[in-house]
Every structure is written in C-alpha cells, then in structure tokens.
Protein backbone atom coordinates (compact mmCIF):
# COMPACT_ATOMS: atom_id res chain seq x y z
CA UNK A 1 2.46 -29.94 -28.91
CA UNK A 2 5.09 -27.45 -30.03
CA UNK A 3 6.54 -24.52 -28.12
CA UNK A 4 4.30 -21.52 -27.63
CA UNK A 5 6.16 -18.41 -28.74
CA UNK A 6 3.87 -15.35 -28.39
CA UNK A 7 5.07 -11.81 -28.82
CA UNK A 8 7.44 -11.07 -25.92
CA UNK A 9 6.23 -7.47 -25.70
CA UNK A 10 2.82 -8.74 -24.58
CA UNK A 11 4.24 -10.30 -21.41
CA UNK A 12 5.15 -7.98 -18.53
CA UNK A 13 7.28 -10.61 -16.77
CA UNK A 14 9.52 -11.20 -19.76
CA UNK A 15 9.60 -7.48 -20.57
CA UNK A 16 10.81 -6.59 -17.07
CA UNK A 17 13.33 -9.41 -17.10
CA UNK A 18 14.65 -8.64 -20.56
CA UNK A 19 15.11 -4.93 -19.81
CA UNK A 20 17.43 -5.14 -16.80
CA UNK A 21 20.25 -4.14 -19.17
CA UNK A 22 23.34 -5.97 -17.93
CA UNK A 23 22.29 -6.41 -14.29
CA UNK A 24 22.84 -9.78 -12.66
CA UNK A 25 20.48 -8.78 -9.85
CA UNK A 26 17.75 -6.19 -9.51
CA UNK A 27 15.39 -5.71 -6.61
CA UNK A 28 12.55 -3.19 -6.70
CA UNK A 29 10.22 -2.28 -3.86
CA UNK A 30 7.29 0.05 -4.43
CA UNK A 31 5.07 0.98 -1.51
CA UNK A 32 5.02 2.46 1.95
CA UNK A 33 8.36 2.54 3.78
CA UNK A 34 8.32 1.53 7.43
CA UNK A 35 11.09 0.41 9.78
CA UNK A 36 10.13 -3.26 9.31
CA UNK A 37 10.21 -2.96 5.53
CA UNK A 38 13.55 -1.12 5.42
CA UNK A 39 15.15 -3.64 7.81
CA UNK A 40 14.22 -6.57 5.58
CA UNK A 41 15.32 -4.74 2.40
CA UNK A 42 18.71 -4.28 4.06
CA UNK A 43 18.83 -7.99 4.95
CA UNK A 44 18.09 -8.97 1.35
CA UNK A 45 20.80 -6.65 -0.01
CA UNK A 46 23.33 -7.71 2.60
CA UNK A 47 22.88 -11.41 1.79
CA UNK A 48 23.28 -10.65 -1.93
CA UNK A 49 26.47 -8.68 -1.31
CA UNK A 50 27.90 -11.68 0.52
CA UNK A 51 26.82 -14.09 -2.24
CA UNK A 52 28.53 -11.95 -4.88
CA UNK A 53 31.76 -11.96 -2.81
CA UNK A 54 32.00 -8.18 -2.90
CA UNK A 55 35.02 -7.00 -0.92
CA UNK A 56 34.27 -5.79 2.59
CA UNK A 57 35.24 -2.14 2.00
CA UNK A 58 32.88 -1.75 -0.96
CA UNK A 59 30.18 -3.77 0.81
CA UNK A 60 30.21 -1.25 3.68
CA UNK A 61 29.87 1.66 1.25
CA UNK A 62 26.95 0.04 -0.56
CA UNK A 63 25.24 -0.71 2.73
CA UNK A 64 25.74 2.87 3.96
CA UNK A 65 24.24 4.39 0.79
CA UNK A 66 21.24 2.07 0.94
CA UNK A 67 20.63 3.02 4.59
CA UNK A 68 20.85 6.74 3.76
CA UNK A 69 18.60 6.36 0.73
CA UNK A 70 15.95 4.41 2.63
CA UNK A 71 16.03 6.89 5.51
CA UNK A 72 15.60 9.73 3.05
CA UNK A 73 12.51 8.12 1.49
CA UNK A 74 11.08 7.27 4.93
CA UNK A 75 11.56 10.84 6.18
CA UNK A 76 10.23 12.53 3.07
CA UNK A 77 7.51 10.21 1.82
CA UNK A 78 4.46 12.35 1.25
CA UNK A 79 1.90 12.90 3.98
CA UNK A 80 -0.52 14.30 1.41
CA UNK A 81 -4.09 13.92 2.56
CA UNK A 82 -5.68 14.36 -0.86
CA UNK A 83 -7.71 11.39 -2.04
CA UNK A 84 -5.59 11.18 -5.17
CA UNK A 85 -2.20 11.13 -3.47
CA UNK A 86 -2.91 9.66 -0.03
CA UNK A 87 -0.28 7.02 0.67
CA UNK A 88 1.49 7.58 -2.66
CA UNK A 89 4.05 4.74 -2.87
CA UNK A 90 7.75 5.41 -2.68
CA UNK A 91 10.39 3.54 -4.69
CA UNK A 92 13.63 1.70 -3.94
CA UNK A 93 15.76 -0.07 -6.57
CA UNK A 94 19.11 -1.79 -6.11
CA UNK A 95 20.95 -3.25 -9.12
CA UNK A 96 24.17 -5.24 -9.30
CA UNK A 97 26.09 -4.94 -12.58
CA UNK A 98 29.62 -5.91 -13.56
CA UNK A 99 30.77 -2.30 -13.08
CA UNK A 100 29.09 -1.64 -9.74
CA UNK A 101 26.03 -1.33 -7.59
CA UNK A 102 23.34 1.15 -8.66
CA UNK A 103 20.94 2.42 -6.03
CA UNK A 104 17.81 4.44 -6.83
CA UNK A 105 15.24 5.93 -4.51
CA UNK A 106 12.08 7.83 -5.32
CA UNK A 107 9.47 9.71 -3.34
CA UNK A 108 6.79 12.33 -3.72
CA UNK A 109 7.81 15.94 -3.03
CA UNK A 110 6.12 19.29 -3.29
CA UNK A 111 6.95 20.87 -6.64
CA UNK A 112 7.98 24.06 -4.84
CA UNK A 113 11.04 22.17 -3.48
CA UNK A 114 12.41 21.13 -6.89
CA UNK A 115 14.70 24.14 -7.34
CA UNK A 116 16.09 23.80 -3.80
CA UNK A 117 16.92 20.10 -4.28
CA UNK A 118 18.32 20.64 -7.78
CA UNK A 119 20.63 23.45 -6.62
CA UNK A 120 21.90 21.36 -3.71
CA UNK A 121 22.69 18.29 -5.83
CA UNK A 122 24.27 20.40 -8.59
CA UNK A 123 26.55 22.00 -6.00
CA UNK A 124 27.47 18.59 -4.52
CA UNK A 125 28.31 17.27 -7.99
CA UNK A 126 30.76 20.13 -8.59
CA UNK A 127 32.89 19.30 -5.52
CA UNK A 128 35.83 16.92 -5.40
CA UNK A 129 36.50 14.48 -2.56
CA UNK A 130 38.26 16.97 -0.25
CA UNK A 131 35.73 19.71 -0.97
CA UNK A 132 32.84 17.35 -0.16
CA UNK A 133 34.40 16.54 3.19
CA UNK A 134 34.83 20.24 3.96
CA UNK A 135 31.26 21.00 2.84
CA UNK A 136 29.92 18.24 5.09
CA UNK A 137 31.74 19.70 8.11
CA UNK A 138 30.44 23.18 7.29
CA UNK A 139 26.88 21.92 7.25
CA UNK A 140 27.40 20.23 10.61
CA UNK A 141 28.86 23.42 12.10
CA UNK A 142 26.01 25.54 10.74
CA UNK A 143 23.51 23.27 12.45
CA UNK A 144 20.91 23.81 9.71
CA UNK A 145 18.45 21.06 10.53
CA UNK A 146 14.81 20.78 9.62
CA UNK A 147 12.05 18.63 11.06
CA UNK A 148 12.79 16.06 8.35
CA UNK A 149 16.53 15.77 8.82
CA UNK A 150 19.82 17.52 8.14
CA UNK A 151 20.43 20.23 5.57
CA UNK A 152 21.36 17.88 2.71
CA UNK A 153 23.90 15.96 4.81
CA UNK A 154 22.49 12.64 3.62
CA UNK A 155 23.02 13.61 -0.03
CA UNK A 156 26.53 14.86 0.70
CA UNK A 157 27.47 11.60 2.45
CA UNK A 158 25.98 9.49 -0.36
CA UNK A 159 28.16 11.39 -2.87
CA UNK A 160 31.23 10.90 -0.66
CA UNK A 161 30.67 7.17 -0.15
CA UNK A 162 29.75 6.45 -3.77
CA UNK A 163 32.74 8.31 -5.22
CA UNK A 164 30.49 9.40 -8.06
CA UNK A 165 28.12 12.19 -9.05
CA UNK A 166 24.48 11.92 -8.05
CA UNK A 167 21.99 11.62 -10.90
CA UNK A 168 18.44 12.85 -10.41
CA UNK A 169 15.17 13.53 -12.16
CA UNK A 170 11.75 15.01 -11.41
CA UNK A 171 8.53 13.66 -12.92
CA UNK A 172 5.49 15.92 -12.59
CA UNK A 173 2.50 14.28 -10.86
CA UNK A 174 0.20 17.31 -10.76
CA UNK A 175 0.46 21.06 -10.24
CA UNK A 176 1.51 20.66 -6.60
CA UNK A 177 3.58 17.46 -6.51
CA UNK A 178 6.46 15.80 -8.36
CA UNK A 179 8.16 12.45 -8.01
CA UNK A 180 11.84 12.85 -7.17
CA UNK A 181 14.32 10.17 -8.32
CA UNK A 182 17.85 10.01 -6.95
CA UNK A 183 20.31 7.60 -8.56
CA UNK A 184 23.84 6.76 -7.40
CA UNK A 185 26.54 4.34 -8.46
CA UNK A 186 29.29 2.98 -6.25
CA UNK A 187 32.72 3.22 -7.87
CA UNK A 188 35.29 0.53 -7.15
CA UNK A 189 34.16 -2.38 -9.31
CA UNK A 190 35.23 -3.65 -12.72
CA UNK A 191 36.09 -0.54 -14.77
CA UNK A 192 36.01 -2.37 -18.13
CA UNK A 193 32.24 -2.13 -18.38
CA UNK A 194 30.75 1.27 -17.71
CA UNK A 195 27.11 2.32 -17.86
CA UNK A 196 25.91 5.89 -18.25
CA UNK A 197 24.18 7.00 -15.05
CA UNK A 198 21.74 9.12 -17.04
CA UNK A 199 20.76 6.23 -19.32
CA UNK A 200 20.55 3.88 -16.35
CA UNK A 201 18.14 6.23 -14.55
CA UNK A 202 16.05 6.71 -17.69
CA UNK A 203 15.53 2.95 -17.94
CA UNK A 204 14.52 2.80 -14.27
CA UNK A 205 11.99 5.61 -14.78
CA UNK A 206 10.57 3.73 -17.78
CA UNK A 207 10.22 0.55 -15.71
CA UNK A 208 8.77 2.50 -12.79
CA UNK A 209 6.01 3.70 -15.10
CA UNK A 210 5.25 0.05 -15.91
CA UNK A 211 5.15 -0.75 -12.19
CA UNK A 212 2.81 2.19 -11.60
CA UNK A 213 0.51 1.27 -14.47
CA UNK A 214 0.36 -2.40 -13.45
CA UNK A 215 0.40 -1.60 -9.70
CA UNK A 216 3.34 -3.95 -9.09
CA UNK A 217 4.36 -3.82 -5.44
CA UNK A 218 7.50 -5.91 -5.38
CA UNK A 219 9.83 -7.12 -8.12
CA UNK A 220 12.97 -9.25 -7.79
CA UNK A 221 15.16 -10.33 -10.70
CA UNK A 222 18.27 -12.38 -10.14
CA UNK A 223 19.68 -15.76 -9.16
CA UNK A 224 17.31 -17.31 -6.63
CA UNK A 225 18.56 -19.11 -3.51
CA UNK A 226 16.91 -20.27 -0.32
CA UNK A 227 18.12 -17.10 1.43
CA UNK A 228 16.55 -14.95 -1.29
CA UNK A 229 13.27 -16.80 -0.74
CA UNK A 230 13.30 -16.13 3.03
CA UNK A 231 14.05 -12.41 2.63
CA UNK A 232 11.38 -11.90 -0.04
CA UNK A 233 8.82 -13.61 2.18
CA UNK A 234 9.75 -11.38 5.12
CA UNK A 235 9.53 -8.18 3.07
CA UNK A 236 6.14 -9.15 1.64
CA UNK A 237 4.78 -10.11 5.04
CA UNK A 238 5.78 -6.72 6.45
CA UNK A 239 4.43 -4.82 3.46
CA UNK A 240 1.02 -6.42 3.15
CA UNK A 241 -1.84 -4.71 4.91
CA UNK A 242 -5.04 -6.64 5.15
CA UNK A 243 -6.76 -9.41 6.97
CA UNK A 244 -4.84 -12.10 8.80
CA UNK A 245 -6.56 -14.61 6.51
CA UNK A 246 -5.34 -12.82 3.36
CA UNK A 247 -1.79 -12.55 4.72
CA UNK A 248 -1.73 -16.28 5.42
CA UNK A 249 -2.96 -17.04 1.88
CA UNK A 250 -0.31 -14.76 0.37
CA UNK A 251 2.48 -16.15 2.53
CA UNK A 252 1.61 -19.79 1.86
CA UNK A 253 1.25 -19.23 -1.87
CA UNK A 254 4.54 -17.31 -2.10
CA UNK A 255 6.36 -20.11 -0.28
CA UNK A 256 5.25 -22.62 -2.90
CA UNK A 257 5.93 -20.37 -5.92
CA UNK A 258 9.39 -19.29 -4.73
CA UNK A 259 10.26 -22.80 -3.58
CA UNK A 260 9.32 -24.03 -7.04
CA UNK A 261 11.88 -21.61 -8.56
CA UNK A 262 14.61 -22.51 -6.06
CA UNK A 263 14.11 -26.26 -6.52
CA UNK A 264 13.17 -26.61 -10.19
CA UNK A 265 14.49 -23.68 -12.25
CA UNK A 266 17.31 -24.77 -14.59
CA UNK A 267 20.78 -23.27 -14.32
CA UNK A 268 21.43 -20.60 -16.93
CA UNK A 269 24.38 -18.32 -17.64
CA UNK A 270 23.10 -14.75 -17.70
CA UNK A 271 25.47 -11.77 -17.96
CA UNK A 272 28.39 -14.17 -17.30
CA UNK A 273 26.82 -15.40 -14.06
CA UNK A 274 25.49 -18.97 -13.81
CA UNK A 275 22.55 -19.57 -11.51
CA UNK A 276 18.81 -20.08 -11.25
CA UNK A 277 18.00 -16.72 -12.80
CA UNK A 278 14.35 -15.79 -12.42
CA UNK A 279 11.85 -13.01 -11.84
CA UNK A 280 9.12 -12.77 -9.25
CA UNK A 281 6.66 -9.94 -8.72
CA UNK A 282 3.34 -9.17 -7.05
CA UNK A 283 0.63 -7.08 -8.67
CA UNK A 284 -2.40 -5.75 -6.80
CA UNK A 285 -5.86 -5.09 -8.24
CA UNK A 286 -8.99 -4.04 -6.33
CA UNK A 287 -10.23 -7.64 -6.40
CA UNK A 288 -7.06 -9.73 -6.25
CA UNK A 289 -3.32 -10.17 -5.75
CA UNK A 290 -1.53 -11.57 -8.80
CA UNK A 291 1.75 -13.49 -8.43
CA UNK A 292 3.99 -13.87 -11.48
CA UNK A 293 7.22 -15.83 -11.75
CA UNK A 294 9.53 -16.54 -14.66
CA UNK A 295 12.56 -18.81 -14.96
CA UNK A 296 14.63 -20.71 -17.49
CA UNK A 297 13.69 -24.26 -18.45
CA UNK A 298 15.41 -26.70 -20.80
CA UNK A 299 13.36 -27.20 -23.95
CA UNK A 300 13.27 -30.99 -23.75
CA UNK A 301 11.31 -30.74 -20.46
CA UNK A 302 8.54 -28.50 -21.77
CA UNK A 303 6.25 -31.08 -23.37
CA UNK A 304 5.89 -33.14 -20.20
CA UNK A 305 5.72 -30.09 -17.96
CA UNK A 306 2.95 -28.57 -20.05
CA UNK A 307 0.93 -31.77 -19.63
CA UNK A 308 1.28 -31.48 -15.85
CA UNK A 309 0.14 -27.85 -15.88
CA UNK A 310 -2.86 -28.63 -18.07
CA UNK A 311 -3.76 -31.61 -15.92
CA UNK A 312 -3.75 -29.51 -12.74
CA UNK A 313 -5.77 -26.74 -14.41
CA UNK A 314 -8.47 -29.22 -15.44
CA UNK A 315 -8.96 -30.75 -11.99
CA UNK A 316 -11.93 -29.82 -9.80
CA UNK A 317 -11.39 -28.94 -6.12
CA UNK A 318 -12.28 -32.49 -5.04
CA UNK A 319 -10.06 -33.99 -7.72
CA UNK A 320 -7.20 -31.71 -6.65
CA UNK A 321 -7.50 -32.94 -3.06
CA UNK A 322 -7.56 -36.60 -4.20
CA UNK A 323 -4.58 -36.10 -6.53
CA UNK A 324 -2.65 -34.31 -3.78
CA UNK A 325 -3.23 -37.17 -1.33
CA UNK A 326 -2.25 -39.79 -3.91
CA UNK A 327 0.90 -37.87 -4.81
CA UNK A 328 1.74 -37.38 -1.14
CA UNK A 329 1.55 -41.13 -0.55
CA UNK A 330 3.42 -42.05 -3.73
CA UNK A 331 6.89 -43.13 -2.60
CA UNK A 332 7.93 -44.59 -5.96
CA UNK A 333 9.14 -41.14 -7.08
CA UNK A 334 7.46 -41.55 -10.45
CA UNK A 335 7.41 -37.84 -11.18
CA UNK A 336 6.48 -38.38 -14.80
CA UNK A 337 3.14 -39.86 -13.75
CA UNK A 338 1.93 -37.17 -11.35
CA UNK A 339 1.79 -33.38 -11.49
CA UNK A 340 3.92 -32.71 -8.40
CA UNK A 341 2.91 -31.57 -4.93
CA UNK A 342 4.05 -27.98 -5.49
CA UNK A 343 1.77 -27.33 -8.48
CA UNK A 344 -1.18 -29.04 -6.81
CA UNK A 345 -0.66 -27.05 -3.62
CA UNK A 346 -0.46 -23.72 -5.50
CA UNK A 347 -3.70 -24.45 -7.37
CA UNK A 348 -5.49 -25.60 -4.18
CA UNK A 349 -4.48 -22.45 -2.29
CA UNK A 350 -5.23 -19.99 -5.09
CA UNK A 351 -8.48 -21.62 -6.27
CA UNK A 352 -7.78 -20.10 -9.68
CA UNK A 353 -6.23 -21.60 -12.84
CA UNK A 354 -2.61 -21.14 -13.88
CA UNK A 355 -1.83 -18.76 -16.74
CA UNK A 356 1.47 -19.83 -18.25
CA UNK A 357 3.64 -19.70 -21.34
CA UNK A 358 7.04 -20.66 -22.70
CA UNK A 359 9.29 -18.22 -24.61
CA UNK A 360 11.93 -19.89 -26.72
CA UNK A 361 15.36 -18.35 -26.03
CA UNK A 362 17.59 -20.67 -28.08
CA UNK A 363 17.84 -24.33 -29.06
CA UNK A 364 18.46 -25.40 -25.47
CA UNK A 365 16.45 -23.04 -23.26
CA UNK A 366 13.06 -21.34 -22.99
CA UNK A 367 11.76 -18.83 -20.46
CA UNK A 368 8.77 -20.15 -18.52
CA UNK A 369 6.28 -17.67 -17.00
CA UNK A 370 3.60 -18.63 -14.50
CA UNK A 371 0.82 -16.34 -13.27
CA UNK A 372 -1.62 -17.14 -10.48
CA UNK A 373 -4.03 -14.92 -8.56
CA UNK A 374 -5.88 -15.07 -5.26
CA UNK A 375 -9.13 -13.23 -4.78
CA UNK A 376 -9.34 -10.70 -1.96
CA UNK A 377 -13.09 -11.21 -1.73
CA UNK A 378 -15.09 -14.36 -2.15
CA UNK A 379 -18.89 -14.48 -1.98
CA UNK A 380 -19.08 -10.81 -1.04
CA UNK A 381 -17.06 -8.80 1.45
CA UNK A 382 -14.85 -10.84 3.77
CA UNK A 383 -14.04 -10.18 7.40
CA UNK A 384 -11.17 -7.77 7.88
CA UNK A 385 -8.94 -8.63 10.84
CA UNK A 386 -5.68 -7.00 11.94
CA UNK A 387 -4.00 -8.13 15.13
CA UNK A 388 -2.97 -5.50 17.67
CA UNK A 389 0.71 -4.50 17.74
CA UNK A 390 2.76 -1.99 19.73
CA UNK A 391 1.94 0.88 17.36
CA UNK A 392 -1.23 -0.24 15.57
CA UNK A 393 -4.65 -1.23 16.93
CA UNK A 394 -6.68 -4.38 16.65
CA UNK A 395 -9.14 -4.02 13.77
CA UNK A 396 -12.12 -6.37 13.49
CA UNK A 397 -14.63 -5.75 10.73
CA UNK A 398 -17.41 -8.34 10.31
CA UNK A 399 -19.73 -7.45 7.41
CA UNK A 400 -22.20 -10.28 7.95
CA UNK A 401 -22.98 -9.36 11.57
CA UNK A 402 -22.32 -5.63 11.20
CA UNK A 403 -19.66 -5.56 13.95
CA UNK A 404 -16.81 -3.05 13.57
CA UNK A 405 -14.23 -2.87 16.35
CA UNK A 406 -11.12 -0.69 16.85
CA UNK A 407 -9.03 -1.29 19.97
CA UNK A 408 -5.55 -0.37 21.28
CA UNK A 409 -2.87 2.19 20.37
CA UNK A 410 -2.81 3.87 16.97
CA UNK A 411 0.54 5.53 16.33
CA UNK A 412 1.58 3.99 12.97
CA UNK A 413 4.57 5.30 11.05
CA UNK A 414 2.23 6.13 8.16
CA UNK A 415 -1.40 6.51 9.24
CA UNK A 416 -2.61 7.18 5.68
CA UNK A 417 -1.11 3.93 4.43
CA UNK A 418 -2.31 1.89 7.43
CA UNK A 419 -5.93 3.07 7.31
CA UNK A 420 -6.37 3.22 3.52
CA UNK A 421 -7.35 -0.48 3.10
CA UNK A 422 -9.74 -0.11 6.05
CA UNK A 423 -11.37 2.92 4.46
CA UNK A 424 -11.54 1.05 1.13
CA UNK A 425 -13.23 -1.85 2.94
CA UNK A 426 -15.79 0.51 4.51
CA UNK A 427 -16.60 2.05 1.11
CA UNK A 428 -17.32 -1.48 -0.16
CA UNK A 429 -19.35 -2.27 2.98
CA UNK A 430 -21.38 0.90 2.47
CA UNK A 431 -22.78 -0.56 -0.76
CA UNK A 432 -24.40 -3.48 1.08
CA UNK A 433 -24.28 -2.97 4.87
CA UNK A 434 -25.91 -5.11 7.53
CA UNK A 435 -29.35 -4.01 8.72
CA UNK A 436 -27.70 -2.87 11.95
CA UNK A 437 -24.06 -1.85 12.34
CA UNK A 438 -22.49 -1.69 15.80
CA UNK A 439 -19.18 0.18 16.03
CA UNK A 440 -16.78 0.16 18.97
CA UNK A 441 -13.85 2.55 19.44
CA UNK A 442 -11.74 1.60 22.45
CA UNK A 443 -8.44 3.42 21.91
CA UNK A 444 -5.76 3.70 24.59
CA UNK A 445 -4.15 6.46 22.57
CA UNK A 446 -3.93 7.71 18.98
CA UNK A 447 -1.91 10.41 17.26
CA UNK A 448 -3.12 13.38 15.23
CA UNK A 449 -2.43 11.55 11.95
CA UNK A 450 -4.86 8.84 13.09
CA UNK A 451 -7.39 11.53 14.07
CA UNK A 452 -7.69 12.58 10.43
CA UNK A 453 -8.31 8.98 9.34
CA UNK A 454 -10.98 8.52 12.02
CA UNK A 455 -12.87 11.47 10.57
CA UNK A 456 -12.90 9.72 7.18
CA UNK A 457 -14.19 6.52 8.80
CA UNK A 458 -16.92 8.34 10.72
CA UNK A 459 -18.10 10.19 7.62
CA UNK A 460 -18.57 6.85 5.81
CA UNK A 461 -20.52 5.53 8.80
CA UNK A 462 -22.64 8.68 8.71
CA UNK A 463 -23.54 7.93 5.08
CA UNK A 464 -24.49 4.35 6.01
CA UNK A 465 -26.70 5.61 8.84
CA UNK A 466 -28.91 7.52 6.40
CA UNK A 467 -30.50 4.25 5.25
CA UNK A 468 -29.46 1.71 7.90
CA UNK A 469 -29.16 1.60 11.67
CA UNK A 470 -25.70 2.50 13.02
CA UNK A 471 -24.72 2.74 16.70
CA UNK A 472 -21.25 3.73 17.91
CA UNK A 473 -19.77 3.22 21.38
CA UNK A 474 -16.85 5.52 22.20
CA UNK A 475 -14.90 4.31 25.26
CA UNK A 476 -12.52 6.29 27.41
CA UNK A 477 -10.56 5.35 30.53
CA UNK A 478 -11.35 7.07 33.82
CA UNK A 479 -9.40 10.30 33.97
CA UNK A 480 -8.54 10.34 30.26
CA UNK A 481 -9.96 13.79 29.55
CA UNK A 482 -8.41 13.94 26.08
CA UNK A 483 -10.18 10.78 24.89
CA UNK A 484 -13.43 11.93 26.52
CA UNK A 485 -13.23 15.29 24.74
CA UNK A 486 -12.50 13.57 21.43
CA UNK A 487 -15.67 11.52 21.83
CA UNK A 488 -17.67 14.70 22.51
CA UNK A 489 -16.03 16.40 19.52
CA UNK A 490 -17.04 13.61 17.14
CA UNK A 491 -20.55 13.52 18.61
CA UNK A 492 -20.97 17.20 17.73
CA UNK A 493 -19.32 17.01 14.30
CA UNK A 494 -20.79 13.76 12.95
CA UNK A 495 -24.48 12.97 12.62
CA UNK A 496 -24.30 9.53 14.28
CA UNK A 497 -25.79 7.85 17.33
CA UNK A 498 -22.62 8.01 19.46
CA UNK A 499 -22.65 6.87 23.10
CA UNK A 500 -19.68 7.90 25.24
CA UNK A 501 -18.82 5.22 27.84
CA UNK A 502 -16.39 5.44 30.74
CA UNK A 503 -14.13 2.45 31.36
CA UNK A 504 -13.74 2.31 35.12
CA UNK A 505 -10.52 0.75 36.38
CA UNK A 506 -11.46 -2.48 38.18
CA UNK A 507 -8.84 -2.02 40.92
CA UNK A 508 -10.08 1.51 41.62
CA UNK A 509 -13.66 0.27 41.68
CA UNK A 510 -12.80 -2.36 44.31
CA UNK A 511 -11.43 0.33 46.61
C-alpha cells in the first residue's frame, strides 16, 4: 500500500504545525487561568528555557514577562455572567524562534476600555529605556491602583524587560466586549533573523481563530522530551473540569499518546534544531474529548506501521484484551509480529478507532498524524464526581438514582468556569431526570460569585420539578445565620420543596 497524501489544508494538526513560521517551540493554552494552571505553564516554559541553553540573564527576563502576562490575564479575565460569554477562555502563547522569545496573552475586556488601553500602550511605546524607568517610578508615586492591579505598571515593566515595543490588537466579540491581544518580544537573541512583531501577532490571531472554531484547549508544538510530557500532563490535569472518572481516562490516555511520541517519533531537523519534533493538542466537543498528535516518521517504516494500526482498529474489545496479554508476555521482542503495547492500550482506553494519516514531506520523511477520542457520556448521562478541595466543594451527581450533593467550601478563583460543566450536566439531566430527585446543599461557606451560580442550578431544578418530584435539603450549622438566611431566601425565590435543616454540633449537643 502506498503513502496516503491527502490535501494538507484538510488536516488541522498539520496546518497548525506547518504555520508556526520559524518557531522551534510553540505552546498555546486556551481556557480558564487559575493559580494551578499558571504555575504549571511556568514550569513548562522554565524547563524549555533550560533545554535551549538560553543565558541566565535573558532567561530571567523571559520568565518575568511570562509571570506578568499570566497575572494580567488572571486579573482581567472576564467575569461576564451572560450565557454567551460566561467563562470566556483566555489565551497564552509562548514561542521560541532563532531571534527571540515571543509571548502573547489574550483576554476579554469591555469595549469601553479599548481607548484607555490603546493610549497607555502607545505612550509606553514612545518612551526610551530611561524614560520608561522614570514613568514607572511616577506611577508608583502616584499610587493609582485599581481593584484589578496597578495603573499599567505591569505593561510598563513588560516593555522595560523585553527591550522592545509592545504590539497589540483588539478583536470585536459583540457590542459590549472585545478580545485584547498583547504581544511582546524579548530582545537579546540572534539578530540575524528578525520577525515583524505585527506579522507575528497577525499569525497568532489567525491561529487563535482556528483554536476557537475547533475548541482546542491546549496545543504544544516542539521537540518532545520526558520533561515536556510531565509538564503537559500536569497542565491538562489542572485544567480539566469534570468527573474523577473522566479525568483518569484523559490522564491515562495522554500518558500513552505522549509516551508514544517521546519513545517512537523519529529525529528530524526542523528550523536548524534536531529533535523529536511533534504536535499535540486537545479538542473538546459536547460529547467527547479528541486527542491529536503528529510527528515525523521515516518513510520505510510506514508500510509495517500502517498494518499495525489497521490490525488494532479491527480488533474487538475481547480481541484487544487477548492481544494485549499476549504482547505483554512476549519476551522475544518480535515487534514486527505484534502491534505494540502502546497502541493496544490507547485503543482499549479510548474504546474508539484510530483516525490516522501520513503526509509525505520528502524522500526520507513523512508526517504522521493520529487522532483518538474518548466519549464523555456512554449509555446516557454518567455520574459527575468532583472531590472536595480547599476552595471547591465536593460535587456528586448521580443521574440513575437522582441524587445530587454539594458539600464543603465554594470559593473558586473563577466560579463561572467551575460551575459551567455542572450546569451543562444539569441541563442534560433535565431532559431525562429520575422519577425522584433528592438534592443536598451542605456548604460550610460560599462566596457571592458562587451565589449567582447556585441560582442558575436552582432554576434548572425548578424546571425539573414541574414534571418530576424534586426535594432539596438545605443544611446550615448552628449559629450560622448567614447560611440560614440564604436557605430562607432561596425558599422564597424558587418554587421548590426546600427543607431547611440545622446541623447541631455533636460536642455542643453532648453538653
């Protein structure tokens, strides 16, 4: 069987990879920004800086700008409560090119702030190094701080550390909101190759539109190592919101896919850098998560590898298990006679066929793309389970038995983002609820942002109660007047059978 060479434009993986325009590494994160996510993004970038042997002085400047950029997105990511824009994902892109590091951030802003931001950046871009330092001190002396940070101090410091002008753009979302891109380049690298900041940002905006259209959450392009694998797993684990079961599926599948790249991708010289250059991204749909990887493979290996892929795709679940066990016990290392544990394991975990192709690059190499998806729901709506943490509650939603339980503290960094998948789940549950639904709210404390999400949840339950039985128990601790009053408030506002129950402290009761 000959090489399959479809039109490259029809493949998102190859299109994203091909369009990185001189970068040897590009990492893109699109989603909600929390402390856990930003910490792991910093770890990934730091390890890459060390791998590229960037001198310490420049490494510190890159790290500083990334920290400032991430803090800016975290502070200013939209808290819009509209259904259309609730939890609108922010953007972070870091690129390594021969002439420097390029860092791009993006977040939703109110359109009314465009002129203010534009004037500030334009002023910063007109100042030289000494003038920027003086301007920074003036801003500190003036003490002009808002609830979301200093009066442009972050932008001033980014300009100072980068040694370059800031490039920016606004993309209109609707009449009230725009998406604000800020793009900076760190000077101090190879000056022989220079890229226009404006053109560089335009290409990022074009790719961001692809990410938005395809709902791609995470995208990494570069030379893969074991350390890259670990950092990508950590970022994904912190980003994913959903059931414990789904997180475990995602994590296990990612391990196998990324390990497959690290262990089996062929070395290729790309932009004068030799390594296991590859792409990996995650796309989300209402029904599934889709994992796509792409890496270079030597042409002479394709025929046999294709046979292995087709063999795995044609196996039933029972046959997969048998083949896996036989391969596991095969110590003769006859790789040409079995499909390999990694491929078998990926197929067993995903329970869906591989979608793959080979794009011929030259006489020696092709680019291999592999797509696999896992279903969020199987045989109807699955249980939704989130374990309790310091700032987020335990969530237990059992559709079969009609048991919905919320317990603990609810003070998430982004309440809209945290509760959105729960609200989506409830909308799906509403279509086919249990005959009787029993709801328990046992909060120790929750913030006002959570309060707004609870109203959304209660309104869905109210709709369910019109045709099915719904009971809700609202618990409050003895002496917690605020939680008691909240229960009474919801009982008056929402047409539901709500029972308010006092939780008496056992030690006090013994006295």
